[in-house]
């Protein structure tokens, strides 16, 4: 039988985490993208090896892996502002001495989970656009196979990506304007 513990983060609480994320963004400017990604992968490997893994952490691993995929997908070409946000998130996540040190049993990753949730909400339209892009790419490859001219494939993916980038920018701007999160 599980135990449910819930708490609410106020706007002031969230500001605390947003401030920590902004500090990570400062670090991103000096860090190599490949080093950040390698550090996140190392932390993910370490987490996976930590059994039993708290469910509140385990449920976020696929989310984090999805964000990594979106960042690394060369055909998606994630715009720089979103890349920076993800890299800042990853810098924070990979830092073992963040707000709650990661070596504290059970709760060490609680602050990391909160940061991931904040960024996932902030980038909801980006993630949806990326999922649509991946579906379009998969459908295109299933329909045309390997026989399609690479130039045609690239042009179709470019066109779809541009439309999705425009959509995500428009929706993200509307979200910020209405301050939904």
Protein backbone atom coordinates (compact mmCIF):
# COMPACT_ATOMS: atom_id res chain seq x y z
CA UNK A 1 0.00 0.00 0.00
CA UNK A 2 1.52 3.31 -1.10
CA UNK A 3 1.51 6.54 0.79
CA UNK A 4 0.39 9.69 -0.96
CA UNK A 5 2.07 12.90 0.04
CA UNK A 6 1.25 16.02 -1.89
CA UNK A 7 2.28 19.60 -1.57
CA UNK A 8 1.64 22.73 -3.51
CA UNK A 9 4.36 25.00 -4.79
CA UNK A 10 3.29 28.62 -4.66
CA UNK A 11 4.34 31.18 -7.24
CA UNK A 12 7.04 32.29 -4.79
CA UNK A 13 8.28 28.69 -4.48
CA UNK A 14 8.36 28.35 -8.25
CA UNK A 15 10.34 31.58 -8.50
CA UNK A 16 12.98 29.94 -6.32
CA UNK A 17 13.33 27.10 -8.84
CA UNK A 18 13.20 29.45 -11.82
CA UNK A 19 16.03 31.44 -10.27
CA UNK A 20 18.09 28.25 -9.93
CA UNK A 21 17.35 27.46 -13.57
CA UNK A 22 18.47 30.96 -14.63
CA UNK A 23 21.75 30.36 -12.81
CA UNK A 24 22.15 27.15 -14.79
CA UNK A 25 21.51 29.12 -17.99
CA UNK A 26 24.48 31.30 -17.12
CA UNK A 27 26.62 28.16 -16.87
CA UNK A 28 25.37 26.99 -20.27
CA UNK A 29 27.06 29.89 -21.99
CA UNK A 30 30.47 28.56 -20.90
CA UNK A 31 29.83 24.83 -21.28
CA UNK A 32 30.19 22.61 -24.32
CA UNK A 33 26.90 21.08 -25.41
CA UNK A 34 28.44 17.62 -25.82
CA UNK A 35 29.84 17.74 -22.27
CA UNK A 36 26.43 18.66 -20.87
CA UNK A 37 24.74 15.83 -22.75
CA UNK A 38 27.40 13.32 -21.66
CA UNK A 39 26.96 14.46 -18.03
CA UNK A 40 23.19 14.00 -18.22
CA UNK A 41 23.58 10.55 -19.75
CA UNK A 42 26.01 9.61 -16.97
CA UNK A 43 23.52 10.75 -14.32
CA UNK A 44 20.73 8.82 -16.06
CA UNK A 45 22.91 5.68 -16.08
CA UNK A 46 23.66 6.19 -12.40
CA UNK A 47 19.97 6.68 -11.61
CA UNK A 48 18.99 3.55 -13.53
CA UNK A 49 21.55 1.62 -11.50
CA UNK A 50 20.08 2.88 -8.23
CA UNK A 51 17.52 0.31 -7.29
CA UNK A 52 14.98 0.63 -5.94
CA UNK A 53 14.36 3.86 -7.78
CA UNK A 54 11.68 6.15 -6.32
CA UNK A 55 8.67 6.22 -8.66
CA UNK A 56 8.56 10.01 -8.72
CA UNK A 57 12.03 9.88 -10.30
CA UNK A 58 11.46 6.83 -12.50
CA UNK A 59 8.39 8.39 -14.10
CA UNK A 60 10.46 11.39 -15.23
CA UNK A 61 13.26 9.43 -16.92
CA UNK A 62 11.31 8.90 -20.18
CA UNK A 63 10.48 12.63 -20.18
CA UNK A 64 14.13 13.51 -19.76
CA UNK A 65 15.15 11.06 -22.49
CA UNK A 66 12.56 12.60 -24.81
CA UNK A 67 13.95 16.07 -24.15
CA UNK A 68 17.45 14.73 -24.91
CA UNK A 69 16.22 13.21 -28.17
CA UNK A 70 14.62 16.47 -29.20
CA UNK A 71 17.85 18.34 -28.51
CA UNK A 72 19.99 15.82 -30.42
CA UNK A 73 17.73 15.36 -33.46
CA UNK A 74 19.62 17.11 -36.27
CA UNK A 75 16.63 17.03 -38.60
CA UNK A 76 14.46 18.79 -36.01
CA UNK A 77 16.90 21.69 -35.62
CA UNK A 78 15.59 22.92 -32.31
CA UNK A 79 15.71 26.74 -32.24
CA UNK A 80 18.45 28.26 -30.09
CA UNK A 81 16.20 29.75 -27.38
CA UNK A 82 14.69 26.33 -26.68
CA UNK A 83 18.10 24.63 -26.91
CA UNK A 84 19.38 27.00 -24.25
CA UNK A 85 16.47 26.19 -21.94
CA UNK A 86 17.03 22.47 -22.32
CA UNK A 87 20.77 22.75 -21.82
CA UNK A 88 20.21 24.81 -18.67
CA UNK A 89 17.85 22.12 -17.41
CA UNK A 90 20.42 19.47 -18.14
CA UNK A 91 23.19 21.45 -16.41
CA UNK A 92 20.99 21.69 -13.33
CA UNK A 93 20.01 18.02 -13.50
CA UNK A 94 23.62 16.85 -13.90
CA UNK A 95 24.87 18.94 -10.97
CA UNK A 96 25.06 16.57 -7.98
CA UNK A 97 25.30 19.52 -5.56
CA UNK A 98 22.22 21.46 -6.61
CA UNK A 99 19.52 22.59 -4.15
CA UNK A 100 19.11 19.08 -2.77
CA UNK A 101 22.30 17.06 -3.17
CA UNK A 102 21.59 14.00 -5.29
CA UNK A 103 23.21 11.58 -2.84
CA UNK A 104 20.47 12.13 -0.23
CA UNK A 105 18.48 8.89 -0.33
CA UNK A 106 14.98 9.09 -1.85
CA UNK A 107 14.65 12.90 -1.94
CA UNK A 108 17.96 13.85 -3.56
CA UNK A 109 16.35 14.12 -6.99
CA UNK A 110 13.17 15.89 -5.84
CA UNK A 111 14.45 19.33 -6.90
CA UNK A 112 15.59 17.91 -10.25
CA UNK A 113 12.11 16.48 -10.82
CA UNK A 114 10.56 19.87 -10.05
CA UNK A 115 12.89 21.56 -12.55
CA UNK A 116 12.06 18.95 -15.21
CA UNK A 117 8.34 19.48 -14.59
CA UNK A 118 8.71 23.27 -14.89
CA UNK A 119 10.59 23.02 -18.17
CA UNK A 120 8.25 20.34 -19.53
CA UNK A 121 5.29 22.64 -18.88
CA UNK A 122 7.11 25.62 -20.32
CA UNK A 123 7.99 23.65 -23.46
CA UNK A 124 4.71 21.79 -23.90
CA UNK A 125 4.15 23.28 -27.38
CA UNK A 126 7.72 22.52 -28.40
CA UNK A 127 7.36 18.90 -27.29
CA UNK A 128 4.04 18.54 -29.11
CA UNK A 129 5.55 19.97 -32.30
CA UNK A 130 8.51 17.61 -32.02
CA UNK A 131 6.20 14.62 -31.54
CA UNK A 132 4.26 15.71 -34.64
CA UNK A 133 7.52 16.05 -36.57
CA UNK A 134 8.63 12.55 -35.56
CA UNK A 135 5.25 11.13 -36.55
CA UNK A 136 5.40 12.94 -39.91
CA UNK A 137 8.94 11.65 -40.51
CA UNK A 138 7.97 8.08 -39.57
CA UNK A 139 4.86 8.20 -41.75
CA UNK A 140 6.87 9.60 -44.66
CA UNK A 141 9.47 6.84 -44.34
CA UNK A 142 6.80 4.15 -44.00
CA UNK A 143 5.00 5.45 -47.08
CA UNK A 144 8.05 6.03 -49.30
CA UNK A 145 10.63 3.62 -47.88
CA UNK A 146 14.28 4.00 -48.83
CA UNK A 147 13.59 4.53 -52.53
CA UNK A 148 12.70 8.21 -52.20
CA UNK A 149 15.12 10.80 -53.51
CA UNK A 150 17.06 12.22 -50.50
CA UNK A 151 16.51 15.77 -51.78
CA UNK A 152 12.74 15.26 -51.83
CA UNK A 153 12.85 13.74 -48.34
CA UNK A 154 14.91 16.65 -46.99
CA UNK A 155 12.61 19.23 -48.64
CA UNK A 156 9.46 17.64 -47.24
CA UNK A 157 10.95 17.38 -43.76
CA UNK A 158 12.23 20.97 -43.97
CA UNK A 159 8.79 22.23 -44.94
CA UNK A 160 7.08 20.29 -42.15
CA UNK A 161 9.68 21.40 -39.60
CA UNK A 162 9.27 25.06 -40.56
CA UNK A 163 5.51 24.85 -40.17
CA UNK A 164 5.84 23.16 -36.80
CA UNK A 165 8.45 25.67 -35.61
CA UNK A 166 6.07 28.49 -36.53
CA UNK A 167 3.21 26.77 -34.73
CA UNK A 168 5.22 26.17 -31.57
CA UNK A 169 6.49 29.76 -31.52
CA UNK A 170 2.94 31.08 -31.93
CA UNK A 171 1.52 28.82 -29.23
CA UNK A 172 4.40 29.48 -26.85
CA UNK A 173 3.88 33.24 -27.26
CA UNK A 174 0.17 32.82 -26.53
CA UNK A 175 1.00 30.72 -23.48
CA UNK A 176 3.38 33.36 -22.14
CA UNK A 177 0.90 36.12 -22.84
CA UNK A 178 -1.87 34.37 -20.94
CA UNK A 179 0.59 33.10 -18.33
CA UNK A 180 -1.07 29.69 -18.23
CA UNK A 181 1.65 28.07 -16.21
